[in-house]
Amino acid sequence: MSDSKPNIVALMERLAKAIVEAPDEVFVEPFEENGQTVVELEVAESDVGRVIGRHGRTARSLRTIMNAAALRTHKRYQLEIVE
């Protein structure tokens, strides 16, 4: 990511596709809500457990990476995993 503002949606899509077994069924949709950008991550039903991880560790890690990348944008982001 060479430009000054990272593309959070593309980052989340790329990370999710690396985790799941069905990368062609990964859909990332951003929308604005209450002054922040909500990033919805939808994966195949069989891959939901992979994205969430044991005790939510993978989901927490994805959120941490997203928030770290978002620091440069000065915007708030929230990751929602659609089941």
C-alpha atoms as a PDB file:
ATOM      1  CA  MET A   1       0.000   0.000   0.000  1.00  0.00           C
ATOM      2  CA  SER A   2       2.045   2.837  -1.267  1.00  0.00           C
ATOM      3  CA  ASP A   3      -0.570   5.602  -1.144  1.00  0.00           C
ATOM      4  CA  SER A   4      -1.098   7.646   2.009  1.00  0.00           C
ATOM      5  CA  LYS A   5      -4.569   6.263   2.778  1.00  0.00           C
ATOM      6  CA  PRO A   6      -4.870   2.506   3.008  1.00  0.00           C
ATOM      7  CA  ASN A   7      -7.852   0.824   1.386  1.00  0.00           C
ATOM      8  CA  ILE A   8      -9.392  -0.858   4.422  1.00  0.00           C
ATOM      9  CA  VAL A   9     -12.006  -2.750   2.406  1.00  0.00           C
ATOM     10  CA  ALA A  10      -9.401  -4.264   0.066  1.00  0.00           C
ATOM     11  CA  LEU A  11      -7.215  -5.146   3.057  1.00  0.00           C
ATOM     12  CA  MET A  12     -10.040  -6.982   4.832  1.00  0.00           C
ATOM     13  CA  GLU A  13     -10.990  -8.798   1.636  1.00  0.00           C
ATOM     14  CA  ARG A  14      -7.422  -9.920   1.020  1.00  0.00           C
ATOM     15  CA  LEU A  15      -6.928 -11.129   4.610  1.00  0.00           C
ATOM     16  CA  ALA A  16     -10.255 -12.978   4.643  1.00  0.00           C
ATOM     17  CA  LYS A  17      -9.511 -14.691   1.330  1.00  0.00           C
ATOM     18  CA  ALA A  18      -6.191 -15.895   2.761  1.00  0.00           C
ATOM     19  CA  ILE A  19      -7.951 -17.463   5.769  1.00  0.00           C
ATOM     20  CA  VAL A  20     -10.950 -19.216   4.192  1.00  0.00           C
ATOM     21  CA  GLU A  21     -11.173 -22.339   2.046  1.00  0.00           C
ATOM     22  CA  ALA A  22     -13.658 -20.756  -0.408  1.00  0.00           C
ATOM     23  CA  PRO A  23     -12.074 -17.384  -1.293  1.00  0.00           C
ATOM     24  CA  ASP A  24     -14.510 -16.838  -4.174  1.00  0.00           C
ATOM     25  CA  GLU A  25     -17.338 -16.613  -1.612  1.00  0.00           C
ATOM     26  CA  VAL A  26     -15.797 -13.719   0.347  1.00  0.00           C
ATOM     27  CA  PHE A  27     -17.754 -10.471   0.088  1.00  0.00           C
ATOM     28  CA  VAL A  28     -16.803  -7.226   1.820  1.00  0.00           C
ATOM     29  CA  GLU A  29     -19.295  -4.372   1.860  1.00  0.00           C
ATOM     30  CA  PRO A  30     -18.655  -1.030   3.592  1.00  0.00           C
ATOM     31  CA  PHE A  31     -21.386   1.389   4.651  1.00  0.00           C
ATOM     32  CA  GLU A  32     -21.617   4.474   6.830  1.00  0.00           C
ATOM     33  CA  GLU A  33     -23.423   4.262  10.171  1.00  0.00           C
ATOM     34  CA  ASN A  34     -23.353   6.714  13.092  1.00  0.00           C
ATOM     35  CA  GLY A  35     -20.271   8.546  11.815  1.00  0.00           C
ATOM     36  CA  GLN A  36     -18.167   5.437  11.314  1.00  0.00           C
ATOM     37  CA  THR A  37     -17.615   3.008   8.475  1.00  0.00           C
ATOM     38  CA  VAL A  38     -18.972  -0.464   9.118  1.00  0.00           C
ATOM     39  CA  VAL A  39     -17.250  -3.150   7.080  1.00  0.00           C
ATOM     40  CA  GLU A  40     -19.427  -6.229   6.658  1.00  0.00           C
ATOM     41  CA  LEU A  41     -17.499  -9.411   5.964  1.00  0.00           C
ATOM     42  CA  GLU A  42     -19.498 -12.284   4.514  1.00  0.00           C
ATOM     43  CA  VAL A  43     -17.954 -15.701   3.921  1.00  0.00           C
ATOM     44  CA  ALA A  44     -19.244 -19.172   3.063  1.00  0.00           C
ATOM     45  CA  GLU A  45     -21.175 -20.796   5.895  1.00  0.00           C
ATOM     46  CA  SER A  46     -18.476 -23.453   6.258  1.00  0.00           C
ATOM     47  CA  ASP A  47     -15.798 -20.754   6.679  1.00  0.00           C
ATOM     48  CA  VAL A  48     -17.460 -18.659   9.400  1.00  0.00           C
ATOM     49  CA  GLY A  49     -15.637 -20.608  12.116  1.00  0.00           C
ATOM     50  CA  ARG A  50     -12.296 -20.017  10.402  1.00  0.00           C
ATOM     51  CA  VAL A  51     -12.849 -16.252  10.272  1.00  0.00           C
ATOM     52  CA  ILE A  52     -14.000 -16.058  13.881  1.00  0.00           C
ATOM     53  CA  GLY A  53     -11.370 -18.468  15.216  1.00  0.00           C
ATOM     54  CA  ARG A  54     -11.114 -20.095  18.604  1.00  0.00           C
ATOM     55  CA  HIS A  55     -12.609 -17.851  21.258  1.00  0.00           C
ATOM     56  CA  GLY A  56     -12.820 -15.096  18.628  1.00  0.00           C
ATOM     57  CA  ARG A  57      -9.060 -14.712  18.301  1.00  0.00           C
ATOM     58  CA  THR A  58      -8.973 -14.480  14.503  1.00  0.00           C
ATOM     59  CA  ALA A  59     -11.825 -11.963  14.423  1.00  0.00           C
ATOM     60  CA  ARG A  60     -10.088  -9.902  17.113  1.00  0.00           C
ATOM     61  CA  SER A  61      -6.858  -9.985  15.106  1.00  0.00           C
ATOM     62  CA  LEU A  62      -8.654  -8.847  11.942  1.00  0.00           C
ATOM     63  CA  ARG A  63     -10.186  -5.949  13.881  1.00  0.00           C
ATOM     64  CA  THR A  64      -6.787  -5.007  15.321  1.00  0.00           C
ATOM     65  CA  ILE A  65      -5.183  -4.978  11.870  1.00  0.00           C
ATOM     66  CA  MET A  66      -8.077  -2.957  10.463  1.00  0.00           C
ATOM     67  CA  ASN A  67      -7.888  -0.368  13.234  1.00  0.00           C
ATOM     68  CA  ALA A  68      -4.103  -0.084  12.928  1.00  0.00           C
ATOM     69  CA  ALA A  69      -4.403   0.523   9.171  1.00  0.00           C
ATOM     70  CA  ALA A  70      -7.242   2.989   9.761  1.00  0.00           C
ATOM     71  CA  LEU A  71      -5.133   5.222  12.019  1.00  0.00           C
ATOM     72  CA  ARG A  72      -3.810   7.039   8.946  1.00  0.00           C
ATOM     73  CA  THR A  73      -7.328   7.776   7.676  1.00  0.00           C
ATOM     74  CA  HIS A  74      -8.490   9.416  10.919  1.00  0.00           C
ATOM     75  CA  LYS A  75     -11.796   7.568  10.547  1.00  0.00           C
ATOM     76  CA  ARG A  76     -13.454   4.944  12.706  1.00  0.00           C
ATOM     77  CA  TYR A  77     -14.067   1.478  11.336  1.00  0.00           C
ATOM     78  CA  GLN A  78     -16.011  -1.458  12.687  1.00  0.00           C
ATOM     79  CA  LEU A  79     -15.810  -5.028  11.370  1.00  0.00           C
ATOM     80  CA  GLU A  80     -18.966  -7.124  11.376  1.00  0.00           C
ATOM     81  CA  ILE A  81     -18.810 -10.768  10.395  1.00  0.00           C
ATOM     82  CA  VAL A  82     -22.099 -11.790   8.803  1.00  0.00           C
ATOM     83  CA  GLU A  83     -23.199 -15.298   9.673  1.00  0.00           C
END
